[in-house]
Amino acid sequence: MYLTDTIFDTRIDTNKIYVSMKTNFRIRNYKSSSDLSPIYLHISGHSKRERLNLDIHVNNKYWNEKTQRLSPVNNKQKDLNLILDNVQSKITSIMIVYRLSEKILTPYLLKKELVDGLPRVNFCAFFEHSLNDEKSLMKTGTYRRYKSVHAKLKKFSAEIIFTEITEAWFTRYRKYLKSLGNCNTTINANIIGIKKYLKIAVKSGIKLSFNLDDIKVGSTAGNRISLTPLEIKKAFGFYKSEYILENHRLILGYFLFSCMTGLRISDVQALTRNDIVDTDFSFVSKKTEKDQTIFINAKAKEIILTDPNLFIKKFSDKHLNEEIKVIMHQLGITKKISFHVARHTFATSFIRMGGSVEKLQILLGHSDIKQTMIYVHIVAQEANESIYLLDNLF
């Protein structure tokens, strides 16, 4: 008995000539040392044949050639039948996707889809396959970001068939990410990643049951958390004190240097002490790949001179982000702190001290001034909130 019907025959030319793709399970004649025989999947079509070892071994006497299943006399054999049912279900999914995409499915391709984890059927597998193909073209940070998106997707469901993805599926996935405690900006960033690889799938010939443009993402800007001038002074005082741990002094030094220069964590990590001369230093931004020159102000120079290991001894990004939270907690600063807060602190401090938004755009290396204007709005909002100071008159 064949597992598939001619409804899944694959088109092979423009005259709508179809060739039957047939699959069935067969037991090999030879037996292993444990007296068990292997089950193979046999695939035929287009005058071609392929055979795939399913790595399932059974006792011949329990095999029913007609049903292509084991006689369910115990739980183990029932489990093996479920595995065969699952293989059959995957074959059906592959045939449906190829048929809807008007792609020719050959025995070789069917075997490859099964071996490779259904990259044209299972979106999780397709995402991972495409991401690995692009890895050499991506910046390290970008690759890690999409890797994180894929990890969450796979945790949600390791097998997401393309035909299952609908607008309603996106709603369910948003709710799932919300249940993990992800904020809206993080959720939106994940949806952007999913849409990116769904677009790649569409370009490769996979058809979706909905229009991707109908999936609205939302803002990924998030809140720009920054330290106030008082908090910066407190952090700087702790950095210079004799009570701070040696490693904490070094980590806080990197953070404060970013507060004074606006450098991203990736650019701080790339600098060496030799790169920093008396008055300025030049670098190529890891994110934008732009050449930038930053002049070193007096405070930045003092930060460098305070710890001779600064820009010599390095830590991982993860360790820097973990420890800066510990340091800020010790200082009684309860904001949600990461290393990137230093860059926001530089920007808001620059605007507070009278710097122009146009010059800030250059210092931050923004290509669009709209990105820089966010910091102007933050400082303006702080000024508006200061009106409540007048309540202290009474």
Protein backbone atom coordinates (compact mmCIF):
# COMPACT_ATOMS: atom_id res chain seq x y z
CA MET A 1 0.00 0.00 0.00
CA TYR A 2 1.41 3.39 -1.00
CA LEU A 3 1.36 6.20 1.53
CA THR A 4 0.51 8.98 -0.87
CA ASP A 5 -2.23 9.59 -3.34
CA THR A 6 -2.03 11.00 -6.85
CA ILE A 7 -3.44 14.29 -5.54
CA PHE A 8 0.16 15.04 -4.63
CA ASP A 9 1.59 14.28 -8.07
CA THR A 10 4.13 16.90 -9.07
CA ARG A 11 3.87 19.03 -12.21
CA ILE A 12 6.84 18.57 -14.51
CA ASP A 13 6.02 20.76 -17.49
CA THR A 14 3.71 23.52 -18.70
CA ASN A 15 1.34 21.04 -20.34
CA LYS A 16 0.19 19.93 -16.88
CA ILE A 17 1.69 16.48 -17.17
CA TYR A 18 1.89 14.91 -13.74
CA VAL A 19 4.06 12.08 -12.52
CA SER A 20 3.06 10.08 -9.46
CA MET A 21 5.39 10.40 -6.47
CA LYS A 22 5.07 7.20 -4.45
CA THR A 23 6.52 6.28 -1.08
CA ASN A 24 6.36 3.18 1.05
CA PHE A 25 8.07 1.63 4.04
CA ARG A 26 9.96 -1.63 3.57
CA ILE A 27 11.95 -3.94 5.78
CA ARG A 28 15.39 -5.03 4.63
CA ASN A 29 16.03 -8.78 4.54
CA TYR A 30 19.22 -8.80 6.59
CA LYS A 31 19.19 -8.68 10.37
CA SER A 32 21.50 -7.03 12.86
CA SER A 33 23.28 -8.80 15.71
CA SER A 34 20.22 -8.12 17.86
CA ASP A 35 18.07 -10.03 15.36
CA LEU A 36 16.31 -6.86 14.19
CA SER A 37 15.82 -5.59 10.63
CA PRO A 38 16.03 -1.95 9.51
CA ILE A 39 13.06 -0.07 8.01
CA TYR A 40 13.75 1.95 4.85
CA LEU A 41 11.63 4.55 3.11
CA HIS A 42 11.43 3.86 -0.62
CA ILE A 43 10.64 6.82 -2.89
CA SER A 44 9.89 6.60 -6.62
CA GLY A 45 8.84 9.05 -9.30
CA HIS A 46 10.13 10.72 -12.47
CA SER A 47 11.71 7.34 -13.33
CA LYS A 48 13.98 7.82 -10.32
CA ARG A 49 14.29 5.95 -7.05
CA GLU A 50 15.70 6.87 -3.68
CA ARG A 51 16.04 4.95 -0.45
CA LEU A 52 16.37 6.39 3.06
CA ASN A 53 17.39 4.47 6.17
CA LEU A 54 15.00 5.62 8.93
CA ASP A 55 17.26 4.23 11.67
CA ILE A 56 14.35 2.15 12.98
CA HIS A 57 14.97 -1.56 13.67
CA VAL A 58 12.16 -4.03 14.23
CA ASN A 59 11.46 -7.73 14.54
CA ASN A 60 10.26 -9.10 11.19
CA LYS A 61 7.51 -11.19 12.70
CA TYR A 62 5.67 -8.07 13.93
CA TRP A 63 5.77 -6.29 10.55
CA ASN A 64 2.52 -6.12 8.54
CA GLU A 65 3.43 -5.67 4.87
CA LYS A 66 -0.10 -4.61 3.95
CA THR A 67 -0.50 -1.81 6.53
CA GLN A 68 3.22 -1.03 6.63
CA ARG A 69 3.03 -0.89 10.38
CA LEU A 70 3.92 -3.09 13.34
CA SER A 71 1.27 -5.16 15.05
CA PRO A 72 0.70 -3.12 18.21
CA VAL A 73 1.24 -5.81 20.80
CA ASN A 74 3.18 -3.60 23.23
CA ASN A 75 3.92 0.07 23.92
CA LYS A 76 7.32 0.00 22.21
CA GLN A 77 5.78 -1.11 18.91
CA LYS A 78 3.02 1.47 19.29
CA ASP A 79 5.71 4.14 19.71
CA LEU A 80 7.50 2.93 16.56
CA ASN A 81 4.23 3.15 14.65
CA LEU A 82 3.83 6.74 15.86
CA ILE A 83 7.31 7.51 14.50
CA LEU A 84 6.30 6.08 11.11
CA ASP A 85 3.08 8.12 11.23
CA ASN A 86 5.17 11.22 11.88
CA VAL A 87 7.43 10.49 8.88
CA GLN A 88 4.33 10.03 6.72
CA SER A 89 2.90 13.32 7.99
CA LYS A 90 6.15 15.12 7.09
CA ILE A 91 6.08 13.60 3.60
CA THR A 92 2.55 14.90 3.13
CA SER A 93 3.56 18.39 4.34
CA ILE A 94 6.49 18.47 1.89
CA MET A 95 4.28 17.47 -1.01
CA ILE A 96 1.66 20.09 -0.12
CA VAL A 97 4.23 22.90 0.05
CA TYR A 98 5.88 21.92 -3.23
CA ARG A 99 2.51 21.58 -4.95
CA LEU A 100 1.27 24.98 -3.73
CA SER A 101 4.58 26.54 -4.71
CA GLU A 102 4.40 24.88 -8.15
CA LYS A 103 7.84 23.40 -7.57
CA ILE A 104 8.98 20.07 -9.00
CA LEU A 105 9.48 17.51 -6.25
CA THR A 106 11.79 14.65 -7.19
CA PRO A 107 12.69 11.58 -5.10
CA TYR A 108 16.10 13.13 -4.46
CA LEU A 109 14.57 16.40 -3.20
CA LEU A 110 12.06 14.58 -1.01
CA LYS A 111 14.87 12.59 0.58
CA LYS A 112 16.95 15.75 1.04
CA GLU A 113 14.04 17.57 2.69
CA LEU A 114 13.63 14.73 5.18
CA VAL A 115 17.35 14.45 5.93
CA ASP A 116 17.91 18.21 6.22
CA GLY A 117 14.97 18.79 8.54
CA LEU A 118 12.40 20.00 6.01
CA PRO A 119 13.93 23.42 5.18
CA ARG A 120 11.23 24.19 2.59
CA VAL A 121 8.42 22.94 4.81
CA ASN A 122 9.44 23.67 8.39
CA PHE A 123 9.96 27.42 8.85
CA CYS A 124 12.24 26.89 11.87
CA ALA A 125 14.55 24.72 9.75
CA PHE A 126 14.38 27.17 6.84
CA PHE A 127 15.20 30.10 9.17
CA GLU A 128 18.24 28.30 10.60
CA HIS A 129 19.45 27.14 7.19
CA SER A 130 19.15 30.65 5.68
CA LEU A 131 20.75 32.30 8.71
CA ASN A 132 23.76 30.00 8.49
CA ASP A 133 24.06 30.79 4.77
CA GLU A 134 24.17 34.53 5.58
CA LYS A 135 26.47 34.25 8.61
CA SER A 136 29.65 35.15 6.73
CA LEU A 137 28.00 38.31 5.37
CA MET A 138 26.69 39.49 8.74
CA LYS A 139 28.31 41.45 11.51
CA THR A 140 28.74 39.38 14.67
CA GLY A 141 26.15 41.38 16.60
CA THR A 142 23.58 41.07 13.82
CA TYR A 143 24.08 37.31 13.61
CA ARG A 144 23.66 36.95 17.39
CA ARG A 145 20.48 39.00 17.26
CA TYR A 146 18.87 36.80 14.59
CA LYS A 147 20.17 33.70 16.37
CA SER A 148 18.26 34.85 19.44
CA VAL A 149 15.09 35.37 17.36
CA HIS A 150 15.43 31.83 15.98
CA ALA A 151 16.04 30.35 19.46
CA LYS A 152 12.78 31.85 20.77
CA LEU A 153 10.91 30.67 17.70
CA LYS A 154 12.23 27.12 18.09
CA LYS A 155 11.34 27.11 21.79
CA PHE A 156 7.79 28.11 20.86
CA SER A 157 7.61 25.19 18.41
CA ALA A 158 10.47 23.26 16.80
CA GLU A 159 8.29 22.47 13.79
CA ILE A 160 6.28 25.32 12.27
CA ILE A 161 4.92 24.35 8.88
CA PHE A 162 4.74 27.27 6.44
CA THR A 163 1.05 26.58 5.82
CA GLU A 164 0.38 27.06 9.57
CA ILE A 165 1.69 30.63 9.55
CA THR A 166 -1.19 33.10 9.28
CA GLU A 167 -2.05 36.51 10.70
CA ALA A 168 -3.67 34.67 13.64
CA TRP A 169 -0.39 32.78 14.18
CA PHE A 170 1.46 36.11 14.59
CA THR A 171 -1.08 37.14 17.24
CA ARG A 172 -0.51 33.90 19.16
CA TYR A 173 3.25 34.30 18.90
CA ARG A 174 3.10 37.87 20.22
CA LYS A 175 1.13 36.59 23.23
CA TYR A 176 3.75 33.87 23.76
CA LEU A 177 6.61 36.40 23.78
CA LYS A 178 4.60 38.58 26.16
CA SER A 179 4.23 35.60 28.50
CA LEU A 180 8.04 35.32 28.56
CA GLY A 181 8.22 38.87 29.91
CA ASN A 182 9.43 40.46 26.65
CA CYS A 183 8.62 44.16 26.30
CA ASN A 184 6.83 45.48 23.21
CA THR A 185 10.02 46.71 21.53
CA THR A 186 11.66 43.29 21.95
CA ILE A 187 8.55 41.58 20.58
CA ASN A 188 8.49 43.93 17.60
CA ALA A 189 12.18 43.27 16.92
CA ASN A 190 11.46 39.51 16.91
CA ILE A 191 8.59 39.98 14.45
CA ILE A 192 10.93 41.95 12.16
CA GLY A 193 13.36 39.01 12.20
CA ILE A 194 10.61 36.52 11.38
CA LYS A 195 9.31 38.69 8.54
CA LYS A 196 12.81 38.97 7.12
CA TYR A 197 13.18 35.21 6.73
CA LEU A 198 9.62 34.74 5.55
CA LYS A 199 10.42 37.23 2.76
CA ILE A 200 13.48 35.15 1.87
CA ALA A 201 11.23 32.07 1.78
CA VAL A 202 8.80 33.82 -0.57
CA LYS A 203 11.67 34.82 -2.87
CA SER A 204 12.78 31.19 -2.98
CA GLY A 205 9.35 30.14 -4.24
CA ILE A 206 7.50 29.23 -1.04
CA LYS A 207 3.96 30.61 -1.05
CA LEU A 208 2.27 31.96 2.05
CA SER A 209 -1.47 32.05 2.68
CA PHE A 210 -1.41 35.78 3.55
CA ASN A 211 0.24 39.03 2.53
CA LEU A 212 3.35 39.70 4.64
CA ASP A 213 2.81 43.45 4.27
CA ASP A 214 -0.40 43.07 6.30
CA ILE A 215 1.68 42.13 9.36
CA LYS A 216 2.38 45.40 11.13
CA VAL A 217 5.45 45.44 13.34
CA GLY A 218 5.33 48.53 15.55
CA SER A 219 8.13 50.62 17.03
CA THR A 220 11.46 49.12 18.09
CA ALA A 221 12.88 52.38 19.44
CA GLY A 222 12.17 51.59 23.09
CA ASN A 223 12.82 53.87 26.04
CA ARG A 224 16.14 55.70 26.12
CA ILE A 225 17.27 55.25 29.72
CA SER A 226 20.11 57.53 30.78
CA LEU A 227 21.83 58.63 33.96
CA THR A 228 21.17 62.06 35.42
CA PRO A 229 24.09 64.43 36.10
CA LEU A 230 23.84 63.57 39.81
CA GLU A 231 24.00 59.83 39.07
CA ILE A 232 27.03 60.31 36.79
CA LYS A 233 28.83 62.20 39.57
CA LYS A 234 27.99 59.44 42.04
CA ALA A 235 29.33 56.77 39.65
CA PHE A 236 32.49 58.81 38.99
CA GLY A 237 33.09 59.28 42.71
CA PHE A 238 32.77 55.53 43.27
CA TYR A 239 35.18 54.88 40.38
CA LYS A 240 37.83 57.06 42.09
CA SER A 241 37.21 55.69 45.59
CA GLU A 242 39.34 53.17 47.45
CA TYR A 243 36.32 50.98 48.29
CA ILE A 244 35.57 49.70 44.80
CA LEU A 245 36.69 46.22 43.75
CA GLU A 246 39.51 46.14 41.19
CA ASN A 247 37.44 44.46 38.47
CA HIS A 248 34.45 46.69 39.20
CA ARG A 249 36.66 49.77 38.84
CA LEU A 250 37.76 48.54 35.41
CA ILE A 251 34.21 47.77 34.27
CA LEU A 252 32.89 51.08 35.59
CA GLY A 253 35.80 52.81 33.84
CA TYR A 254 34.71 51.42 30.46
CA PHE A 255 31.13 52.48 31.19
CA LEU A 256 32.10 56.02 32.23
CA PHE A 257 34.41 56.37 29.22
CA SER A 258 31.39 55.62 27.04
CA CYS A 259 29.37 58.20 29.01
CA MET A 260 32.02 60.78 28.04
CA THR A 261 32.42 59.73 24.38
CA GLY A 262 29.17 58.06 23.30
CA LEU A 263 30.92 54.91 22.05
CA ARG A 264 28.97 51.67 21.65
CA ILE A 265 30.12 48.63 23.57
CA SER A 266 31.49 47.05 20.36
CA ASP A 267 33.68 50.10 19.69
CA VAL A 268 34.89 50.31 23.30
CA GLN A 269 35.84 46.63 23.11
CA ALA A 270 37.82 47.18 19.90
CA LEU A 271 39.98 50.00 21.31
CA THR A 272 43.44 49.43 22.74
CA ARG A 273 45.36 51.79 24.99
CA ASN A 274 47.71 52.59 22.09
CA ASP A 275 44.72 53.79 20.03
CA ILE A 276 44.07 56.59 22.50
CA VAL A 277 46.49 59.47 22.02
CA ASP A 278 46.72 62.71 23.99
CA THR A 279 43.94 64.69 22.33
CA ASP A 280 41.86 62.38 20.15
CA PHE A 281 41.44 58.92 18.70
CA SER A 282 40.08 57.56 15.42
CA PHE A 283 38.19 54.34 14.86
CA VAL A 284 35.86 52.58 12.43
CA SER A 285 32.44 52.00 13.96
CA LYS A 286 31.70 48.27 14.21
CA LYS A 287 28.01 48.87 13.51
CA THR A 288 28.02 51.54 10.79
CA GLU A 289 31.54 50.92 9.40
CA LYS A 290 32.03 54.71 9.33
CA ASP A 291 35.38 56.37 10.09
CA GLN A 292 35.03 58.54 13.19
CA THR A 293 37.34 60.77 15.20
CA ILE A 294 36.56 61.60 18.82
CA PHE A 295 38.37 64.25 20.85
CA ILE A 296 39.16 63.25 24.41
CA ASN A 297 37.76 65.66 27.00
CA ALA A 298 39.34 66.14 30.41
CA LYS A 299 37.05 63.71 32.23
CA ALA A 300 37.58 60.95 29.65
CA LYS A 301 41.34 61.44 30.03
CA GLU A 302 41.03 61.28 33.83
CA ILE A 303 39.07 58.01 33.52
CA ILE A 304 41.83 56.51 31.37
CA LEU A 305 44.63 57.62 33.72
CA THR A 306 42.85 56.36 36.86
CA ASP A 307 43.15 52.70 35.88
CA PRO A 308 46.26 51.61 33.92
CA ASN A 309 44.51 48.37 32.91
CA LEU A 310 41.77 50.22 31.05
CA PHE A 311 41.78 49.12 27.37
CA ILE A 312 44.31 46.43 28.22
CA LYS A 313 42.29 43.96 30.27
CA LYS A 314 38.97 43.17 28.54
CA PHE A 315 35.76 41.36 29.48
CA SER A 316 32.99 39.80 27.41
CA ASP A 317 29.98 41.94 26.52
CA LYS A 318 27.81 39.68 28.68
CA HIS A 319 30.07 40.11 31.72
CA LEU A 320 30.19 43.88 31.28
CA ASN A 321 26.39 44.08 31.12
CA GLU A 322 25.93 41.79 34.12
CA GLU A 323 28.45 43.55 36.34
CA ILE A 324 27.39 47.11 35.49
CA LYS A 325 23.96 46.19 36.91
CA VAL A 326 25.63 45.02 40.14
CA ILE A 327 27.68 48.24 40.38
CA MET A 328 24.65 50.49 39.81
CA HIS A 329 22.70 48.53 42.43
CA GLN A 330 25.53 49.19 44.91
CA LEU A 331 25.18 52.90 44.10
CA GLY A 332 21.45 52.79 44.76
CA ILE A 333 20.62 53.46 41.09
CA THR A 334 17.50 51.38 40.39
CA LYS A 335 17.12 52.06 36.66
CA LYS A 336 17.28 49.17 34.19
CA ILE A 337 20.95 49.53 33.31
CA SER A 338 22.93 48.00 30.48
CA PHE A 339 26.18 49.17 28.91
CA HIS A 340 24.21 50.92 26.15
CA VAL A 341 22.79 53.30 28.78
CA ALA A 342 26.22 54.97 28.73
CA ARG A 343 25.70 56.01 25.09
CA HIS A 344 22.27 57.43 25.92
CA THR A 345 23.79 59.22 28.91
CA PHE A 346 26.40 60.86 26.69
CA ALA A 347 23.71 62.04 24.27
CA THR A 348 21.35 63.50 26.88
CA SER A 349 24.28 65.10 28.78
CA PHE A 350 25.52 66.72 25.56
CA ILE A 351 22.09 68.24 24.88
CA ARG A 352 21.70 69.36 28.54
CA MET A 353 25.02 71.21 28.35
CA GLY A 354 23.92 73.15 25.26
CA GLY A 355 25.31 70.98 22.46
CA SER A 356 23.49 71.14 19.13
CA VAL A 357 21.58 68.19 17.73
CA GLU A 358 23.50 68.48 14.44
CA LYS A 359 26.86 68.07 16.21
CA LEU A 360 25.47 65.24 18.34
CA GLN A 361 24.43 63.45 15.15
CA ILE A 362 28.06 63.55 13.96
CA LEU A 363 29.43 62.40 17.32
CA LEU A 364 27.02 59.47 17.50
CA GLY A 365 27.52 58.56 13.85
CA HIS A 366 23.79 58.62 13.09
CA SER A 367 22.90 58.57 9.39
CA ASP A 368 19.44 60.03 10.06
CA ILE A 369 18.98 63.05 12.34
CA LYS A 370 15.59 61.62 13.40
CA GLN A 371 17.54 59.09 15.48
CA THR A 372 19.37 61.93 17.23
CA MET A 373 16.23 64.02 17.79
CA ILE A 374 14.98 61.42 20.26
CA TYR A 375 17.49 62.75 22.80
CA VAL A 376 16.27 66.29 22.32
CA HIS A 377 12.74 65.11 23.13
CA ILE A 378 13.98 63.27 26.24
CA VAL A 379 15.66 66.39 27.64
CA ALA A 380 12.62 68.50 26.72
CA GLN A 381 10.38 66.06 28.60
CA GLU A 382 12.63 66.32 31.65
CA ALA A 383 12.34 70.11 31.46
CA ASN A 384 8.54 69.87 31.31
CA GLU A 385 8.51 67.63 34.38
CA SER A 386 10.63 70.20 36.25
CA ILE A 387 7.62 72.50 36.42
CA TYR A 388 6.54 70.51 39.49
CA LEU A 389 9.49 72.10 41.34
CA LEU A 390 7.27 75.16 41.77
CA ASP A 391 5.10 73.13 44.13
CA ASN A 392 7.94 73.44 46.64
CA LEU A 393 7.18 77.15 46.94
CA PHE A 394 4.14 76.38 49.08
